[in-house]
PDB file of all heavy atoms in Angstrom:
ATOM      1  N   VAL A   1      44.585   7.346  60.716  1.00  0.00           N
ATOM      2  CA  VAL A   1      44.761   7.181  62.155  1.00  0.00           C
ATOM      3  C   VAL A   1      45.783   8.183  62.685  1.00  0.00           C
ATOM      4  O   VAL A   1      46.791   8.463  62.039  1.00  0.00           O
ATOM      5  CB  VAL A   1      45.210   5.743  62.485  1.00  0.00           C
ATOM      6  CG1 VAL A   1      45.450   5.587  63.980  1.00  0.00           C
ATOM      7  CG2 VAL A   1      44.167   4.738  62.016  1.00  0.00           C
ATOM      8  N   VAL A   2      45.510   8.691  63.889  1.00  0.00           N
ATOM      9  CA  VAL A   2      46.413   9.599  64.582  1.00  0.00           C
ATOM     10  C   VAL A   2      47.068   8.853  65.741  1.00  0.00           C
ATOM     11  O   VAL A   2      46.384   8.138  66.484  1.00  0.00           O
ATOM     12  CB  VAL A   2      45.651  10.829  65.112  1.00  0.00           C
ATOM     13  CG1 VAL A   2      46.531  11.669  66.024  1.00  0.00           C
ATOM     14  CG2 VAL A   2      45.137  11.669  63.952  1.00  0.00           C
ATOM     15  N   ASN A   3      48.362   9.026  65.904  1.00  0.00           N
ATOM     16  CA  ASN A   3      49.074   8.384  67.007  1.00  0.00           C
ATOM     17  C   ASN A   3      48.498   8.808  68.359  1.00  0.00           C
ATOM     18  O   ASN A   3      48.080   9.957  68.546  1.00  0.00           O
ATOM     19  CB  ASN A   3      50.563   8.735  66.960  1.00  0.00           C
ATOM     20  CG  ASN A   3      51.301   7.973  65.884  1.00  0.00           C
ATOM     21  OD1 ASN A   3      51.128   6.781  65.717  1.00  0.00           O
ATOM     22  ND2 ASN A   3      52.129   8.670  65.119  1.00  0.00           N
ATOM     23  N   ASP A   4      48.529   7.880  69.321  1.00  0.00           N
ATOM     24  CA  ASP A   4      47.928   8.130  70.636  1.00  0.00           C
ATOM     25  C   ASP A   4      48.533   9.336  71.346  1.00  0.00           C
ATOM     26  O   ASP A   4      47.845  10.027  72.094  1.00  0.00           O
ATOM     27  CB  ASP A   4      48.084   6.887  71.521  1.00  0.00           C
ATOM     28  CG  ASP A   4      47.195   5.738  71.060  1.00  0.00           C
ATOM     29  OD1 ASP A   4      46.200   6.001  70.353  1.00  0.00           O
ATOM     30  OD2 ASP A   4      47.501   4.579  71.402  1.00  0.00           O
ATOM     31  N   PHE A   5      49.840   9.593  71.117  1.00  0.00           N
ATOM     32  CA  PHE A   5      50.458  10.676  71.887  1.00  0.00           C
ATOM     33  C   PHE A   5      49.939  12.059  71.492  1.00  0.00           C
ATOM     34  O   PHE A   5      50.137  13.031  72.214  1.00  0.00           O
ATOM     35  CB  PHE A   5      51.991  10.624  71.801  1.00  0.00           C
ATOM     36  CG  PHE A   5      52.562  10.435  70.424  1.00  0.00           C
ATOM     37  CD1 PHE A   5      52.580  11.468  69.497  1.00  0.00           C
ATOM     38  CD2 PHE A   5      53.102   9.204  70.057  1.00  0.00           C
ATOM     39  CE1 PHE A   5      53.119  11.285  68.229  1.00  0.00           C
ATOM     40  CE2 PHE A   5      53.649   9.013  68.788  1.00  0.00           C
ATOM     41  CZ  PHE A   5      53.657  10.066  67.875  1.00  0.00           C
ATOM     42  N   PHE A   6      49.257  12.178  70.356  1.00  0.00           N
ATOM     43  CA  PHE A   6      48.634  13.461  70.033  1.00  0.00           C
ATOM     44  C   PHE A   6      47.453  13.731  70.967  1.00  0.00           C
ATOM     45  O   PHE A   6      47.141  14.889  71.263  1.00  0.00           O
ATOM     46  CB  PHE A   6      48.160  13.479  68.580  1.00  0.00           C
ATOM     47  CG  PHE A   6      49.265  13.693  67.580  1.00  0.00           C
ATOM     48  CD1 PHE A   6      49.875  12.612  66.954  1.00  0.00           C
ATOM     49  CD2 PHE A   6      49.706  14.966  67.283  1.00  0.00           C
ATOM     50  CE1 PHE A   6      50.902  12.801  66.039  1.00  0.00           C
ATOM     51  CE2 PHE A   6      50.733  15.178  66.361  1.00  0.00           C
ATOM     52  CZ  PHE A   6      51.334  14.088  65.755  1.00  0.00           C
ATOM     53  N   PHE A   7      46.806  12.684  71.430  1.00  0.00           N
ATOM     54  CA  PHE A   7      45.672  12.831  72.339  1.00  0.00           C
ATOM     55  C   PHE A   7      46.123  13.056  73.777  1.00  0.00           C
ATOM     56  O   PHE A   7      45.450  13.744  74.542  1.00  0.00           O
ATOM     57  CB  PHE A   7      44.789  11.582  72.292  1.00  0.00           C
ATOM     58  CG  PHE A   7      44.112  11.339  70.970  1.00  0.00           C
ATOM     59  CD1 PHE A   7      44.701  10.528  70.008  1.00  0.00           C
ATOM     60  CD2 PHE A   7      42.888  11.913  70.682  1.00  0.00           C
ATOM     61  CE1 PHE A   7      44.081  10.299  68.786  1.00  0.00           C
ATOM     62  CE2 PHE A   7      42.256  11.688  69.460  1.00  0.00           C
ATOM     63  CZ  PHE A   7      42.857  10.875  68.523  1.00  0.00           C
ATOM     64  N   SER A   8      47.240  12.479  74.152  1.00  0.00           N
ATOM     65  CA  SER A   8      47.641  12.462  75.561  1.00  0.00           C
ATOM     66  C   SER A   8      48.543  13.619  75.972  1.00  0.00           C
ATOM     67  O   SER A   8      48.759  13.844  77.161  1.00  0.00           O
ATOM     68  CB  SER A   8      48.358  11.143  75.882  1.00  0.00           C
ATOM     69  OG  SER A   8      49.511  10.984  75.067  1.00  0.00           O
ATOM     70  N   GLY A   9      49.089  14.361  75.030  1.00  0.00           N
ATOM     71  CA  GLY A   9      49.997  15.450  75.368  1.00  0.00           C
ATOM     72  C   GLY A   9      49.294  16.579  76.108  1.00  0.00           C
ATOM     73  O   GLY A   9      48.085  16.802  75.966  1.00  0.00           O
ATOM     74  N   GLU A  10      50.059  17.306  76.908  1.00  0.00           N
ATOM     75  CA  GLU A  10      49.526  18.442  77.654  1.00  0.00           C
ATOM     76  C   GLU A  10      49.725  19.731  76.858  1.00  0.00           C
ATOM     77  O   GLU A  10      50.818  20.012  76.381  1.00  0.00           O
ATOM     78  CB  GLU A  10      50.236  18.564  79.008  1.00  0.00           C
ATOM     79  CG  GLU A  10      49.905  17.444  79.989  1.00  0.00           C
ATOM     80  CD  GLU A  10      48.456  17.487  80.443  1.00  0.00           C
ATOM     81  OE1 GLU A  10      47.903  18.618  80.548  1.00  0.00           O
ATOM     82  OE2 GLU A  10      47.872  16.415  80.673  1.00  0.00           O
ATOM     83  N   ARG A  11      48.661  20.517  76.730  1.00  0.00           N
ATOM     84  CA  ARG A  11      48.758  21.770  76.012  1.00  0.00           C
ATOM     85  C   ARG A  11      49.479  22.820  76.850  1.00  0.00           C
ATOM     86  O   ARG A  11      49.301  22.892  78.066  1.00  0.00           O
ATOM     87  CB  ARG A  11      47.377  22.299  75.623  1.00  0.00           C
ATOM     88  CG  ARG A  11      46.719  21.490  74.518  1.00  0.00           C
ATOM     89  CD  ARG A  11      45.589  22.283  73.864  1.00  0.00           C
ATOM     90  NE  ARG A  11      46.040  23.550  73.315  1.00  0.00           N
ATOM     91  CZ  ARG A  11      46.740  23.677  72.192  1.00  0.00           C
ATOM     92  NH1 ARG A  11      47.075  22.600  71.503  1.00  0.00           N
ATOM     93  NH2 ARG A  11      47.107  24.867  71.759  1.00  0.00           N
ATOM     94  N   THR A  12      50.293  23.619  76.192  1.00  0.00           N
ATOM     95  CA  THR A  12      50.952  24.747  76.838  1.00  0.00           C
ATOM     96  C   THR A  12      50.052  25.964  76.690  1.00  0.00           C
ATOM     97  O   THR A  12      49.787  26.401  75.564  1.00  0.00           O
ATOM     98  CB  THR A  12      52.322  25.032  76.188  1.00  0.00           C
ATOM     99  OG1 THR A  12      53.118  23.856  76.230  1.00  0.00           O
ATOM    100  CG2 THR A  12      53.026  26.169  76.913  1.00  0.00           C
ATOM    101  N   PRO A  13      49.541  26.516  77.785  1.00  0.00           N
ATOM    102  CA  PRO A  13      48.623  27.658  77.682  1.00  0.00           C
ATOM    103  C   PRO A  13      49.277  28.840  76.979  1.00  0.00           C
ATOM    104  O   PRO A  13      50.486  29.040  77.072  1.00  0.00           O
ATOM    105  CB  PRO A  13      48.301  27.993  79.149  1.00  0.00           C
ATOM    106  CG  PRO A  13      48.644  26.760  79.916  1.00  0.00           C
ATOM    107  CD  PRO A  13      49.785  26.121  79.180  1.00  0.00           C
ATOM    108  N   ARG A  14      48.469  29.604  76.296  1.00  0.00           N
ATOM    109  CA  ARG A  14      48.990  30.790  75.628  1.00  0.00           C
ATOM    110  C   ARG A  14      49.396  31.834  76.667  1.00  0.00           C
ATOM    111  O   ARG A  14      48.641  32.141  77.587  1.00  0.00           O
ATOM    112  CB  ARG A  14      47.942  31.384  74.688  1.00  0.00           C
ATOM    113  CG  ARG A  14      48.447  32.625  73.951  1.00  0.00           C
ATOM    114  CD  ARG A  14      47.453  33.104  72.914  1.00  0.00           C
ATOM    115  NE  ARG A  14      47.906  34.334  72.277  1.00  0.00           N
ATOM    116  CZ  ARG A  14      47.231  34.970  71.321  1.00  0.00           C
ATOM    117  NH1 ARG A  14      46.083  34.471  70.892  1.00  0.00           N
ATOM    118  NH2 ARG A  14      47.707  36.086  70.800  1.00  0.00           N
ATOM    119  N   GLY A  15      50.594  32.354  76.520  1.00  0.00           N
ATOM    120  CA  GLY A  15      51.090  33.357  77.450  1.00  0.00           C
ATOM    121  C   GLY A  15      50.874  34.764  76.922  1.00  0.00           C
ATOM    122  O   GLY A  15      50.052  35.010  76.039  1.00  0.00           O
ATOM    123  N   ALA A  16      51.668  35.690  77.470  1.00  0.00           N
ATOM    124  CA  ALA A  16      51.526  37.093  77.087  1.00  0.00           C
ATOM    125  C   ALA A  16      52.329  37.437  75.840  1.00  0.00           C
ATOM    126  O   ALA A  16      52.218  38.543  75.317  1.00  0.00           O
ATOM    127  CB  ALA A  16      51.968  37.977  78.252  1.00  0.00           C
ATOM    128  N   GLY A  17      53.145  36.505  75.353  1.00  0.00           N
ATOM    129  CA  GLY A  17      53.992  36.775  74.203  1.00  0.00           C
ATOM    130  C   GLY A  17      53.252  36.668  72.886  1.00  0.00           C
ATOM    131  O   GLY A  17      52.017  36.612  72.843  1.00  0.00           O
ATOM    132  N   PRO A  18      54.007  36.621  71.791  1.00  0.00           N
ATOM    133  CA  PRO A  18      53.398  36.523  70.458  1.00  0.00           C
ATOM    134  C   PRO A  18      52.558  35.251  70.295  1.00  0.00           C
ATOM    135  O   PRO A  18      52.834  34.224  70.929  1.00  0.00           O
ATOM    136  CB  PRO A  18      54.620  36.505  69.523  1.00  0.00           C
ATOM    137  CG  PRO A  18      55.742  37.082  70.322  1.00  0.00           C
ATOM    138  CD  PRO A  18      55.478  36.697  71.732  1.00  0.00           C
ATOM    139  N   CYS A  19      51.563  35.322  69.447  1.00  0.00           N
ATOM    140  CA  CYS A  19      50.745  34.152  69.128  1.00  0.00           C
ATOM    141  C   CYS A  19      51.625  33.117  68.432  1.00  0.00           C
ATOM    142  O   CYS A  19      52.360  33.435  67.494  1.00  0.00           O
ATOM    143  CB  CYS A  19      49.595  34.573  68.215  1.00  0.00           C
ATOM    144  SG  CYS A  19      48.459  33.228  67.791  1.00  0.00           S
ATOM    145  N   ARG A  20      51.544  31.876  68.882  1.00  0.00           N
ATOM    146  CA  ARG A  20      52.408  30.817  68.372  1.00  0.00           C
ATOM    147  C   ARG A  20      51.688  30.072  67.242  1.00  0.00           C
ATOM    148  O   ARG A  20      50.740  29.344  67.477  1.00  0.00           O
ATOM    149  CB  ARG A  20      52.765  29.847  69.496  1.00  0.00           C
ATOM    150  CG  ARG A  20      53.449  30.521  70.696  1.00  0.00           C
ATOM    151  CD  ARG A  20      53.342  29.671  71.946  1.00  0.00           C
ATOM    152  NE  ARG A  20      51.943  29.401  72.286  1.00  0.00           N
ATOM    153  CZ  ARG A  20      51.563  28.654  73.322  1.00  0.00           C
ATOM    154  NH1 ARG A  20      52.467  28.102  74.104  1.00  0.00           N
ATOM    155  NH2 ARG A  20      50.277  28.451  73.573  1.00  0.00           N
ATOM    156  N   LEU A  21      52.165  30.264  66.035  1.00  0.00           N
ATOM    157  CA  LEU A  21      51.579  29.632  64.863  1.00  0.00           C
ATOM    158  C   LEU A  21      52.483  28.502  64.384  1.00  0.00           C
ATOM    159  O   LEU A  21      53.704  28.584  64.502  1.00  0.00           O
ATOM    160  CB  LEU A  21      51.392  30.648  63.741  1.00  0.00           C
ATOM    161  CG  LEU A  21      50.590  31.901  64.094  1.00  0.00           C
ATOM    162  CD1 LEU A  21      50.558  32.865  62.913  1.00  0.00           C
ATOM    163  CD2 LEU A  21      49.169  31.538  64.529  1.00  0.00           C
ATOM    164  N   LEU A  22      51.871  27.461  63.822  1.00  0.00           N
ATOM    165  CA  LEU A  22      52.612  26.300  63.329  1.00  0.00           C
ATOM    166  C   LEU A  22      52.181  25.978  61.914  1.00  0.00           C
ATOM    167  O   LEU A  22      50.984  25.981  61.594  1.00  0.00           O
ATOM    168  CB  LEU A  22      52.356  25.089  64.240  1.00  0.00           C
ATOM    169  CG  LEU A  22      52.961  23.744  63.794  1.00  0.00           C
ATOM    170  CD1 LEU A  22      54.485  23.805  63.809  1.00  0.00           C
ATOM    171  CD2 LEU A  22      52.460  22.611  64.692  1.00  0.00           C
ATOM    172  N   CYS A  23      53.147  25.705  61.057  1.00  0.00           N
ATOM    173  CA  CYS A  23      52.882  25.236  59.695  1.00  0.00           C
ATOM    174  C   CYS A  23      53.683  23.964  59.479  1.00  0.00           C
ATOM    175  O   CYS A  23      54.909  23.972  59.579  1.00  0.00           O
ATOM    176  CB  CYS A  23      53.286  26.306  58.683  1.00  0.00           C
ATOM    177  SG  CYS A  23      53.155  25.773  56.953  1.00  0.00           S
ATOM    178  N   VAL A  24      53.006  22.849  59.235  1.00  0.00           N
ATOM    179  CA  VAL A  24      53.666  21.575  58.938  1.00  0.00           C
ATOM    180  C   VAL A  24      53.524  21.351  57.446  1.00  0.00           C
ATOM    181  O   VAL A  24      52.416  21.187  56.932  1.00  0.00           O
ATOM    182  CB  VAL A  24      53.040  20.411  59.737  1.00  0.00           C
ATOM    183  CG1 VAL A  24      53.791  19.114  59.444  1.00  0.00           C
ATOM    184  CG2 VAL A  24      53.072  20.713  61.230  1.00  0.00           C
ATOM    185  N   THR A  25      54.640  21.340  56.735  1.00  0.00           N
ATOM    186  CA  THR A  25      54.583  21.386  55.277  1.00  0.00           C
ATOM    187  C   THR A  25      55.614  20.456  54.658  1.00  0.00           C
ATOM    188  O   THR A  25      56.290  19.699  55.355  1.00  0.00           O
ATOM    189  CB  THR A  25      54.797  22.845  54.801  1.00  0.00           C
ATOM    190  OG1 THR A  25      54.576  22.926  53.403  1.00  0.00           O
ATOM    191  CG2 THR A  25      56.195  23.333  55.136  1.00  0.00           C
ATOM    192  N   THR A  26      55.730  20.520  53.336  1.00  0.00           N
ATOM    193  CA  THR A  26      56.721  19.749  52.585  1.00  0.00           C
ATOM    194  C   THR A  26      57.333  20.663  51.528  1.00  0.00           C
ATOM    195  O   THR A  26      56.946  21.821  51.387  1.00  0.00           O
ATOM    196  CB  THR A  26      56.088  18.532  51.881  1.00  0.00           C
ATOM    197  OG1 THR A  26      55.270  18.991  50.787  1.00  0.00           O
ATOM    198  CG2 THR A  26      55.236  17.709  52.844  1.00  0.00           C
ATOM    199  N   ALA A  27      58.247  20.095  50.759  1.00  0.00           N
ATOM    200  CA  ALA A  27      58.893  20.867  49.696  1.00  0.00           C
ATOM    201  C   ALA A  27      58.024  20.988  48.446  1.00  0.00           C
ATOM    202  O   ALA A  27      58.408  21.683  47.502  1.00  0.00           O
ATOM    203  CB  ALA A  27      60.237  20.223  49.334  1.00  0.00           C
ATOM    204  N   ALA A  28      56.856  20.342  48.430  1.00  0.00           N
ATOM    205  CA  ALA A  28      55.954  20.424  47.267  1.00  0.00           C
ATOM    206  C   ALA A  28      55.243  21.769  47.280  1.00  0.00           C
ATOM    207  O   ALA A  28      54.062  21.886  47.641  1.00  0.00           O
ATOM    208  CB  ALA A  28      54.958  19.268  47.295  1.00  0.00           C
ATOM    209  N   GLU A  29      55.957  22.808  46.876  1.00  0.00           N
ATOM    210  CA  GLU A  29      55.451  24.175  46.970  1.00  0.00           C
ATOM    211  C   GLU A  29      54.202  24.380  46.121  1.00  0.00           C
ATOM    212  O   GLU A  29      53.283  25.122  46.510  1.00  0.00           O
ATOM    213  CB  GLU A  29      56.556  25.149  46.547  1.00  0.00           C
ATOM    214  CG  GLU A  29      56.192  26.607  46.626  1.00  0.00           C
ATOM    215  CD  GLU A  29      55.911  27.093  48.039  1.00  0.00           C
ATOM    216  OE1 GLU A  29      56.188  26.342  49.008  1.00  0.00           O
ATOM    217  OE2 GLU A  29      55.391  28.204  48.184  1.00  0.00           O
ATOM    218  N   TRP A  30      54.106  23.744  44.964  1.00  0.00           N
ATOM    219  CA  TRP A  30      52.923  23.876  44.106  1.00  0.00           C
ATOM    220  C   TRP A  30      51.665  23.388  44.823  1.00  0.00           C
ATOM    221  O   TRP A  30      50.544  23.832  44.532  1.00  0.00           O
ATOM    222  CB  TRP A  30      53.116  23.069  42.819  1.00  0.00           C
ATOM    223  CG  TRP A  30      53.203  21.594  43.047  1.00  0.00           C
ATOM    224  CD1 TRP A  30      54.315  20.867  43.371  1.00  0.00           C
ATOM    225  CD2 TRP A  30      52.133  20.651  42.987  1.00  0.00           C
ATOM    226  NE1 TRP A  30      54.010  19.534  43.517  1.00  0.00           N
ATOM    227  CE2 TRP A  30      52.669  19.368  43.290  1.00  0.00           C
ATOM    228  CE3 TRP A  30      50.767  20.755  42.712  1.00  0.00           C
ATOM    229  CZ2 TRP A  30      51.892  18.208  43.323  1.00  0.00           C
ATOM    230  CZ3 TRP A  30      49.989  19.598  42.744  1.00  0.00           C
ATOM    231  CH2 TRP A  30      50.569  18.350  43.035  1.00  0.00           C
ATOM    232  N   LEU A  31      51.863  22.511  45.808  1.00  0.00           N
ATOM    233  CA  LEU A  31      50.743  21.939  46.544  1.00  0.00           C
ATOM    234  C   LEU A  31      50.515  22.672  47.860  1.00  0.00           C
ATOM    235  O   LEU A  31      49.403  23.086  48.179  1.00  0.00           O
ATOM    236  CB  LEU A  31      51.023  20.455  46.804  1.00  0.00           C
ATOM    237  CG  LEU A  31      49.922  19.615  47.424  1.00  0.00           C
ATOM    238  CD1 LEU A  31      48.774  19.456  46.437  1.00  0.00           C
ATOM    239  CD2 LEU A  31      50.473  18.236  47.807  1.00  0.00           C
ATOM    240  N   LYS A  32      51.588  22.859  48.636  1.00  0.00           N
ATOM    241  CA  LYS A  32      51.471  23.379  50.000  1.00  0.00           C
ATOM    242  C   LYS A  32      51.454  24.901  50.082  1.00  0.00           C
ATOM    243  O   LYS A  32      50.970  25.469  51.059  1.00  0.00           O
ATOM    244  CB  LYS A  32      52.621  22.824  50.852  1.00  0.00           C
ATOM    245  CG  LYS A  32      52.608  21.308  50.989  1.00  0.00           C
ATOM    246  CD  LYS A  32      51.359  20.809  51.689  1.00  0.00           C
ATOM    247  CE  LYS A  32      51.389  19.308  51.905  1.00  0.00           C
ATOM    248  NZ  LYS A  32      50.166  18.815  52.578  1.00  0.00           N
ATOM    249  N   ASN A  33      52.049  25.581  49.093  1.00  0.00           N
ATOM    250  CA  ASN A  33      52.001  27.038  49.027  1.00  0.00           C
ATOM    251  C   ASN A  33      52.521  27.693  50.310  1.00  0.00           C
ATOM    252  O   ASN A  33      51.883  28.605  50.862  1.00  0.00           O
ATOM    253  CB  ASN A  33      50.576  27.522  48.732  1.00  0.00           C
ATOM    254  CG  ASN A  33      50.523  28.999  48.336  1.00  0.00           C
ATOM    255  OD1 ASN A  33      51.526  29.569  47.908  1.00  0.00           O
ATOM    256  ND2 ASN A  33      49.363  29.609  48.487  1.00  0.00           N
ATOM    257  N   THR A  34      53.673  27.259  50.779  1.00  0.00           N
ATOM    258  CA  THR A  34      54.266  27.847  51.974  1.00  0.00           C
ATOM    259  C   THR A  34      54.650  29.304  51.733  1.00  0.00           C
ATOM    260  O   THR A  34      54.562  30.149  52.636  1.00  0.00           O
ATOM    261  CB  THR A  34      55.499  27.035  52.413  1.00  0.00           C
ATOM    262  OG1 THR A  34      55.134  25.647  52.503  1.00  0.00           O
ATOM    263  CG2 THR A  34      56.018  27.499  53.760  1.00  0.00           C
ATOM    264  N   THR A  35      55.066  29.625  50.505  1.00  0.00           N
ATOM    265  CA  THR A  35      55.395  31.010  50.172  1.00  0.00           C
ATOM    266  C   THR A  35      54.167  31.901  50.306  1.00  0.00           C
ATOM    267  O   THR A  35      54.243  33.027  50.828  1.00  0.00           O
ATOM    268  CB  THR A  35      55.957  31.099  48.739  1.00  0.00           C
ATOM    269  OG1 THR A  35      57.067  30.202  48.613  1.00  0.00           O
ATOM    270  CG2 THR A  35      56.422  32.502  48.422  1.00  0.00           C
TER     271      THR A  35
END
C-alpha cells in the first residue's frame, strides 16, 4: 500500500535548470548498488 499523500501531492513542473533525479536507497550496498 502507498500512503494517500503520494497521490494528492502537486507536482513541481520541470524548469530550465538541471534534470532533477532522485534515488531512495539504504546502506545495503550489495543490494541497492548506489555506488
